[in-house]
Amino acid sequence: MHSSPGSYPPGQGGGGYPPPPSPYASTPAPPPPYPPGVPGPGPGGHGGYGPPPRRPAKPPYSALRGTVAGLSLVLAVLLSIPALSAMWVRWEVVSSEGFTDNMVELIDEPAVRSEVARLMTDELIRQLPANLRGQVQPALFTAAVNAAIARPDFKPVWRDGVSTAHDVVMSTLLGRDSKNVKVDGDKVVVTLKTPMDTIVRELGAAGVPVSTAGLPTTIPIDLAQLPDTTEEQQGRDALRAVDDAGVWLPILAMALLVIGVAVAVNRFRALVMTGIGLALTSGLLLLMVSAVKGPVADELATRETLNRDGVEAVYTIFTDSLTTMSWSVFAAAIVAVAVGTIGLTVGARRR
């Protein structure tokens, strides 16, 4: 007598086979892609079955901010060269204090000092009385004048004369009232007080008895020539424009720089890009100042009374402040690049 299939014990079907699976049995879940306890790539360590990661939200008005920042920083970089140049002209050429300080420094340059001594010697000999003119050799006058110029008390005399001439030129070109009216036709004349005691003492030591009564008390030296009537208005307008630009261009450039960095979406990246731009423009200005020195000296040496060494000395002293400003901007640009690079690196590591 055979038993029915349902009467077999579990695991012992008819003929030793297990019972067939139920048609309603659920499909087993696939094994997890990562071992138990190991987090997967999804959020919360649930493998790839979690919700997709959220992208960081863009800052509000990012496109507009990027446009404004980009335009502001580009304009600030482009304005750096004209702003520095205009500020230099205002400080060193238009400003009476800056111009006079440079001219006082120039009197220590051998080429400039020798030219001033030559002009003073020629004027002294020209103004001597006829009975004394043949008794004094020009070489003795030159030595006496050189000794007078080398004394410390000559610099205040030179400063006063240069300041007078500069005031006349700038007042004429800018249409301002001048405190000095020492203009001979279209020429600006520096009237220097003759260092009488030193010259008389030097001549006496050389065996030439000359009294102070026989020497001129003032020496006029041609320093500049005013523009003629046809050029005066053009020169006045140009100088006024440069004088005003020396104030407003640096302010505008700094305002654009601050606005650009403040509005930028990524301020560190803006610092890097702006620093690179300012380093290029300031470096270009330094190269221009150095490259123009030779041609300017060659051109002016053929037209002015100063020789080439004297013209180079004038150029070097008057452009010294422009060179200093350019190097300062270059150094600030390198610092901006370094700060921006560090900020970008730290920000990338925190993400």
Protein backbone atom coordinates (compact mmCIF):
# COMPACT_ATOMS: atom_id res chain seq x y z
CA MET A 1 0.00 0.00 0.00
CA HIS A 2 1.52 3.29 -1.13
CA SER A 3 1.23 6.47 0.90
CA SER A 4 0.09 9.70 -0.66
CA PRO A 5 2.72 12.39 -1.37
CA GLY A 6 1.45 14.59 1.43
CA SER A 7 1.99 11.83 3.98
CA TYR A 8 5.79 11.82 3.61
CA PRO A 9 7.86 13.54 6.23
CA PRO A 10 9.35 16.87 5.28
CA GLY A 11 12.23 16.49 2.87
CA GLN A 12 11.13 12.97 1.87
CA GLY A 13 8.87 13.12 -1.07
CA GLY A 14 7.90 10.31 -3.23
CA GLY A 15 10.88 8.69 -4.78
CA GLY A 16 13.27 10.79 -2.60
CA TYR A 17 12.58 14.09 -4.43
CA PRO A 18 11.67 17.32 -2.60
CA PRO A 19 8.22 18.76 -3.16
CA PRO A 20 7.90 21.22 -6.04
CA PRO A 21 7.93 24.93 -5.13
CA SER A 22 4.70 26.71 -4.69
CA PRO A 23 3.66 28.77 -7.73
CA TYR A 24 2.98 31.69 -5.36
CA ALA A 25 6.45 31.81 -3.76
CA SER A 26 8.14 35.28 -3.96
CA THR A 27 11.36 35.81 -5.92
CA PRO A 28 14.30 36.07 -3.52
CA ALA A 29 15.98 39.57 -3.30
CA PRO A 30 19.31 39.88 -5.07
CA PRO A 31 22.36 39.86 -2.85
CA PRO A 32 23.64 43.32 -1.81
CA PRO A 33 26.42 44.67 -4.02
CA TYR A 34 28.60 45.43 -0.98
CA PRO A 35 29.34 43.19 2.02
CA PRO A 36 27.30 43.80 5.15
CA GLY A 37 28.54 46.75 7.17
CA VAL A 38 30.30 48.43 4.23
CA PRO A 39 28.55 51.63 3.09
CA GLY A 40 27.77 51.96 -0.58
CA PRO A 41 28.19 54.94 -2.83
CA GLY A 42 24.68 56.25 -2.29
CA PRO A 43 23.61 58.76 0.39
CA GLY A 44 23.73 57.34 3.88
CA GLY A 45 25.75 54.28 2.77
CA HIS A 46 22.79 52.44 1.17
CA GLY A 47 24.58 51.41 -1.99
CA GLY A 48 23.25 52.80 -5.24
CA TYR A 49 19.62 52.60 -4.19
CA GLY A 50 19.33 55.90 -2.30
CA PRO A 51 18.07 59.20 -3.72
CA PRO A 52 20.48 61.05 -6.08
CA PRO A 53 22.82 63.56 -4.42
CA ARG A 54 21.72 67.18 -4.39
CA ARG A 55 23.70 69.68 -6.43
CA PRO A 56 24.76 72.85 -4.60
CA ALA A 57 22.42 75.71 -5.36
CA LYS A 58 23.84 78.58 -7.43
CA PRO A 59 24.22 81.92 -5.66
CA PRO A 60 21.43 84.36 -6.47
CA TYR A 61 22.05 86.49 -9.56
CA SER A 62 25.30 84.60 -10.26
CA ALA A 63 25.26 85.44 -13.97
CA LEU A 64 24.70 89.14 -13.35
CA ARG A 65 27.33 89.23 -10.61
CA GLY A 66 29.85 87.50 -12.83
CA THR A 67 29.27 90.00 -15.64
CA VAL A 68 29.55 93.04 -13.38
CA ALA A 69 32.64 91.68 -11.64
CA GLY A 70 34.33 90.78 -14.91
CA LEU A 71 33.74 94.17 -16.51
CA SER A 72 34.80 96.05 -13.37
CA LEU A 73 38.04 94.11 -12.95
CA VAL A 74 38.97 94.32 -16.64
CA LEU A 75 38.43 98.09 -16.64
CA ALA A 76 40.43 98.46 -13.42
CA VAL A 77 43.36 96.56 -14.93
CA LEU A 78 43.22 98.55 -18.18
CA LEU A 79 43.10 101.85 -16.27
CA SER A 80 46.15 101.00 -14.17
CA ILE A 81 48.72 102.35 -16.65
CA PRO A 82 46.98 105.68 -17.43
CA ALA A 83 46.10 106.13 -13.74
CA LEU A 84 49.71 105.66 -12.60
CA SER A 85 51.03 107.87 -15.39
CA ALA A 86 48.56 110.70 -14.70
CA MET A 87 49.22 110.52 -10.96
CA TRP A 88 52.98 110.68 -11.63
CA VAL A 89 52.60 113.76 -13.87
CA ARG A 90 50.50 115.48 -11.23
CA TRP A 91 52.97 114.71 -8.44
CA GLU A 92 56.28 115.27 -10.21
CA VAL A 93 55.59 117.82 -12.97
CA VAL A 94 52.51 119.87 -12.05
CA SER A 95 53.13 119.91 -8.31
CA SER A 96 55.52 122.71 -7.37
CA GLU A 97 56.85 120.77 -4.38
CA GLY A 98 57.55 117.59 -6.34
CA PHE A 99 59.16 119.44 -9.25
CA THR A 100 61.33 121.58 -6.96
CA ASP A 101 62.46 118.60 -4.90
CA ASN A 102 63.56 116.82 -8.06
CA MET A 103 65.46 119.87 -9.30
CA VAL A 104 67.24 120.26 -5.96
CA GLU A 105 68.25 116.62 -6.17
CA LEU A 106 69.49 117.20 -9.72
CA ILE A 107 71.99 119.85 -8.63
CA ASP A 108 74.01 117.03 -7.06
CA GLU A 109 74.37 115.32 -10.44
CA PRO A 110 77.79 116.11 -11.98
CA ALA A 111 76.42 116.70 -15.49
CA VAL A 112 73.72 119.10 -14.27
CA ARG A 113 76.02 120.87 -11.85
CA SER A 114 78.67 121.46 -14.53
CA GLU A 115 76.07 122.92 -16.90
CA VAL A 116 74.70 125.27 -14.22
CA ALA A 117 78.27 126.28 -13.38
CA ARG A 118 78.96 127.02 -17.05
CA LEU A 119 75.87 129.21 -17.35
CA MET A 120 76.70 131.07 -14.14
CA THR A 121 80.30 131.59 -15.24
CA ASP A 122 79.29 132.97 -18.63
CA GLU A 123 76.82 135.36 -17.02
CA LEU A 124 79.30 136.52 -14.40
CA ILE A 125 81.94 137.29 -17.02
CA ARG A 126 79.36 139.05 -19.21
CA GLN A 127 78.30 141.34 -16.37
CA LEU A 128 81.80 142.17 -15.18
CA PRO A 129 82.97 145.75 -15.68
CA ALA A 130 85.18 146.20 -18.71
CA ASN A 131 88.28 147.00 -16.61
CA LEU A 132 87.96 143.68 -14.73
CA ARG A 133 86.90 141.41 -17.59
CA GLY A 134 90.39 141.09 -19.02
CA GLN A 135 92.02 140.49 -15.63
CA VAL A 136 90.10 137.32 -14.75
CA GLN A 137 90.56 134.09 -16.68
CA PRO A 138 87.36 132.06 -17.29
CA ALA A 139 88.93 128.98 -15.66
CA LEU A 140 89.30 130.86 -12.38
CA PHE A 141 85.67 131.93 -12.49
CA THR A 142 84.62 128.36 -13.27
CA ALA A 143 86.55 127.04 -10.24
CA ALA A 144 85.07 129.73 -8.02
CA VAL A 145 81.53 129.04 -9.21
CA ASN A 146 81.96 125.27 -8.78
CA ALA A 147 83.12 125.83 -5.22
CA ALA A 148 80.11 128.03 -4.56
CA ILE A 149 77.67 125.48 -5.98
CA ALA A 150 79.18 122.70 -3.88
CA ARG A 151 78.44 124.57 -0.65
CA PRO A 152 75.27 123.64 1.30
CA ASP A 153 74.04 127.24 1.30
CA PHE A 154 73.67 127.19 -2.49
CA LYS A 155 70.76 124.71 -2.43
CA PRO A 156 68.26 127.11 -0.83
CA VAL A 157 69.16 129.68 -3.49
CA TRP A 158 68.69 127.11 -6.24
CA ARG A 159 65.40 125.90 -4.74
CA ASP A 160 64.01 129.42 -4.60
CA GLY A 161 64.88 130.08 -8.23
CA VAL A 162 63.48 126.78 -9.50
CA SER A 163 60.28 127.20 -7.50
CA THR A 164 59.81 130.65 -9.01
CA ALA A 165 60.26 129.39 -12.57
CA HIS A 166 57.94 126.43 -12.05
CA ASP A 167 55.25 128.63 -10.61
CA VAL A 168 55.41 130.91 -13.65
CA VAL A 169 55.20 128.00 -16.13
CA MET A 170 52.36 126.17 -14.40
CA SER A 171 50.39 129.33 -13.74
CA THR A 172 50.66 130.29 -17.40
CA LEU A 173 49.70 126.85 -18.72
CA LEU A 174 46.88 126.27 -16.23
CA GLY A 175 45.56 129.81 -16.38
CA ARG A 176 46.20 130.48 -12.70
CA ASP A 177 47.42 133.59 -10.94
CA SER A 178 51.14 133.50 -10.28
CA LYS A 179 52.91 134.79 -7.22
CA ASN A 180 55.89 135.51 -9.48
CA VAL A 181 56.01 137.54 -12.67
CA LYS A 182 59.61 136.93 -13.70
CA VAL A 183 59.01 136.28 -17.39
CA ASP A 184 61.26 137.78 -20.07
CA GLY A 185 59.18 137.70 -23.23
CA ASP A 186 58.42 134.04 -23.84
CA LYS A 187 61.26 132.82 -21.61
CA VAL A 188 61.12 131.82 -17.97
CA VAL A 189 64.24 133.01 -16.21
CA VAL A 190 65.56 131.70 -12.90
CA THR A 191 67.17 134.63 -11.11
CA LEU A 192 69.73 133.27 -8.68
CA LYS A 193 71.41 135.33 -6.02
CA THR A 194 75.15 135.29 -6.63
CA PRO A 195 77.06 133.55 -3.81
CA MET A 196 79.33 136.57 -3.56
CA ASP A 197 81.42 135.69 -0.52
CA THR A 198 82.45 132.28 -1.81
CA ILE A 199 83.34 133.51 -5.28
CA VAL A 200 85.33 136.49 -4.02
CA ARG A 201 87.18 134.27 -1.54
CA GLU A 202 88.04 131.71 -4.20
CA LEU A 203 89.25 134.37 -6.62
CA GLY A 204 91.32 136.03 -3.90
CA ALA A 205 92.96 132.70 -3.06
CA ALA A 206 93.86 132.36 -6.76
CA GLY A 207 95.57 135.75 -6.71
CA VAL A 208 92.85 137.78 -8.42
CA PRO A 209 91.79 140.74 -6.26
CA VAL A 210 88.10 141.24 -7.09
CA SER A 211 85.78 143.15 -4.79
CA THR A 212 82.11 142.43 -4.34
CA ALA A 213 81.37 145.78 -5.96
CA GLY A 214 82.65 144.46 -9.26
CA LEU A 215 80.50 141.32 -9.34
CA PRO A 216 76.82 141.00 -10.27
CA THR A 217 74.44 140.29 -7.42
CA THR A 218 72.02 138.16 -9.45
CA ILE A 219 72.47 135.67 -12.27
CA PRO A 220 69.56 134.95 -14.66
CA ILE A 221 69.49 131.42 -16.06
CA ASP A 222 67.17 130.40 -18.86
CA LEU A 223 65.14 127.46 -17.53
CA ALA A 224 62.16 127.09 -19.84
CA GLN A 225 60.32 128.65 -22.74
CA LEU A 226 56.61 129.34 -22.70
CA PRO A 227 54.52 128.09 -25.63
CA ASP A 228 53.57 130.62 -28.26
CA THR A 229 50.01 131.93 -28.60
CA THR A 230 48.89 129.28 -31.10
CA GLU A 231 50.05 126.40 -28.90
CA GLU A 232 49.21 127.91 -25.54
CA GLN A 233 45.53 126.92 -25.46
CA GLN A 234 46.21 123.37 -26.62
CA GLY A 235 48.95 122.93 -24.05
CA ARG A 236 46.76 124.42 -21.34
CA ASP A 237 43.84 122.09 -22.12
CA ALA A 238 46.09 119.03 -22.24
CA LEU A 239 47.81 119.89 -18.96
CA ARG A 240 44.50 120.58 -17.23
CA ALA A 241 43.16 117.23 -18.43
CA VAL A 242 46.23 115.39 -17.14
CA ASP A 243 46.09 117.30 -13.85
CA ASP A 244 42.45 116.30 -13.32
CA ALA A 245 43.12 112.73 -14.46
CA GLY A 246 45.82 112.42 -11.80
CA VAL A 247 43.06 112.68 -9.20
CA TRP A 248 40.09 110.88 -10.73
CA LEU A 249 41.69 108.01 -12.63
CA PRO A 250 43.31 106.40 -9.55
CA ILE A 251 40.05 106.80 -7.60
CA LEU A 252 38.04 105.25 -10.44
CA ALA A 253 40.48 102.35 -10.84
CA MET A 254 40.40 101.56 -7.10
CA ALA A 255 36.58 101.79 -7.00
CA LEU A 256 36.25 99.37 -9.93
CA LEU A 257 38.71 97.00 -8.29
CA VAL A 258 36.79 96.96 -5.00
CA ILE A 259 33.44 96.54 -6.75
CA GLY A 260 34.74 93.72 -8.92
CA VAL A 261 36.15 91.69 -6.04
CA ALA A 262 33.13 92.35 -3.79
CA VAL A 263 30.55 91.34 -6.42
CA ALA A 264 32.45 88.32 -7.78
CA VAL A 265 30.86 84.92 -7.14
CA ASN A 266 34.28 83.43 -6.39
CA ARG A 267 36.37 86.18 -4.83
CA PHE A 268 39.55 84.13 -4.64
CA ARG A 269 39.42 83.39 -8.36
CA ALA A 270 38.77 87.09 -9.00
CA LEU A 271 41.84 87.97 -6.91
CA VAL A 272 44.01 85.60 -8.92
CA MET A 273 42.86 86.90 -12.31
CA THR A 274 43.10 90.55 -11.24
CA GLY A 275 46.55 90.02 -9.75
CA ILE A 276 47.81 88.46 -12.96
CA GLY A 277 46.41 91.37 -14.99
CA LEU A 278 47.95 94.03 -12.72
CA ALA A 279 51.29 92.22 -12.71
CA LEU A 280 51.31 92.31 -16.52
CA THR A 281 50.35 95.99 -16.79
CA SER A 282 52.76 97.19 -14.11
CA GLY A 283 55.54 95.09 -15.63
CA LEU A 284 54.76 96.60 -19.03
CA LEU A 285 54.96 100.11 -17.57
CA LEU A 286 58.34 99.32 -16.01
CA LEU A 287 59.63 98.10 -19.37
CA MET A 288 58.32 101.22 -21.10
CA VAL A 289 60.02 103.55 -18.62
CA SER A 290 63.31 101.72 -19.07
CA ALA A 291 63.07 101.43 -22.86
CA VAL A 292 62.19 105.09 -23.49
CA LYS A 293 65.13 106.45 -21.51
CA GLY A 294 67.69 106.04 -24.29
CA PRO A 295 65.66 107.56 -27.16
CA VAL A 296 64.53 110.47 -24.99
CA ALA A 297 68.12 111.22 -23.97
CA ASP A 298 69.29 111.07 -27.59
CA GLU A 299 66.53 113.40 -28.76
CA LEU A 300 66.79 116.01 -26.00
CA ALA A 301 70.59 116.07 -26.01
CA THR A 302 70.52 117.47 -29.55
CA ARG A 303 68.08 120.26 -28.69
CA GLU A 304 68.83 121.25 -25.09
CA THR A 305 71.89 122.77 -23.48
CA LEU A 306 72.41 119.69 -21.30
CA ASN A 307 74.55 116.87 -22.64
CA ARG A 308 73.32 113.29 -22.82
CA ASP A 309 74.47 112.41 -19.30
CA GLY A 310 72.61 115.41 -17.93
CA VAL A 311 69.42 114.51 -19.78
CA GLU A 312 69.64 110.93 -18.49
CA ALA A 313 70.07 112.24 -14.94
CA VAL A 314 66.97 114.42 -15.31
CA TYR A 315 64.97 111.50 -16.76
CA THR A 316 66.06 109.11 -14.02
CA ILE A 317 65.24 111.44 -11.14
CA PHE A 318 61.89 112.55 -12.53
CA THR A 319 60.75 108.99 -13.35
CA ASP A 320 61.97 107.50 -10.08
CA SER A 321 58.56 107.90 -8.43
CA LEU A 322 56.81 106.33 -11.44
CA THR A 323 59.14 103.35 -11.20
CA THR A 324 58.47 103.06 -7.46
CA MET A 325 54.70 103.15 -7.98
CA SER A 326 54.92 100.49 -10.70
CA TRP A 327 56.96 98.18 -8.49
CA SER A 328 54.47 98.72 -5.64
CA VAL A 329 51.56 97.71 -7.88
CA PHE A 330 53.54 94.70 -9.12
CA ALA A 331 54.23 93.57 -5.54
CA ALA A 332 50.57 94.02 -4.57
CA ALA A 333 49.54 91.99 -7.62
CA ILE A 334 51.82 89.10 -6.61
CA VAL A 335 50.32 89.16 -3.10
CA ALA A 336 46.80 89.10 -4.57
CA VAL A 337 47.69 86.07 -6.71
CA ALA A 338 49.18 84.28 -3.70
CA VAL A 339 46.17 84.99 -1.45
CA GLY A 340 43.72 83.93 -4.16
CA THR A 341 45.63 80.71 -4.86
CA ILE A 342 45.73 79.78 -1.17
CA GLY A 343 42.02 80.50 -0.84
CA LEU A 344 41.16 78.33 -3.84
CA THR A 345 43.31 75.47 -2.54
CA VAL A 346 41.81 75.56 0.95
CA GLY A 347 38.28 75.74 -0.47
CA ALA A 348 38.89 72.73 -2.71
CA ARG A 349 40.14 70.62 0.20
CA ARG A 350 37.07 71.37 2.31
CA ARG A 351 34.68 70.02 -0.32
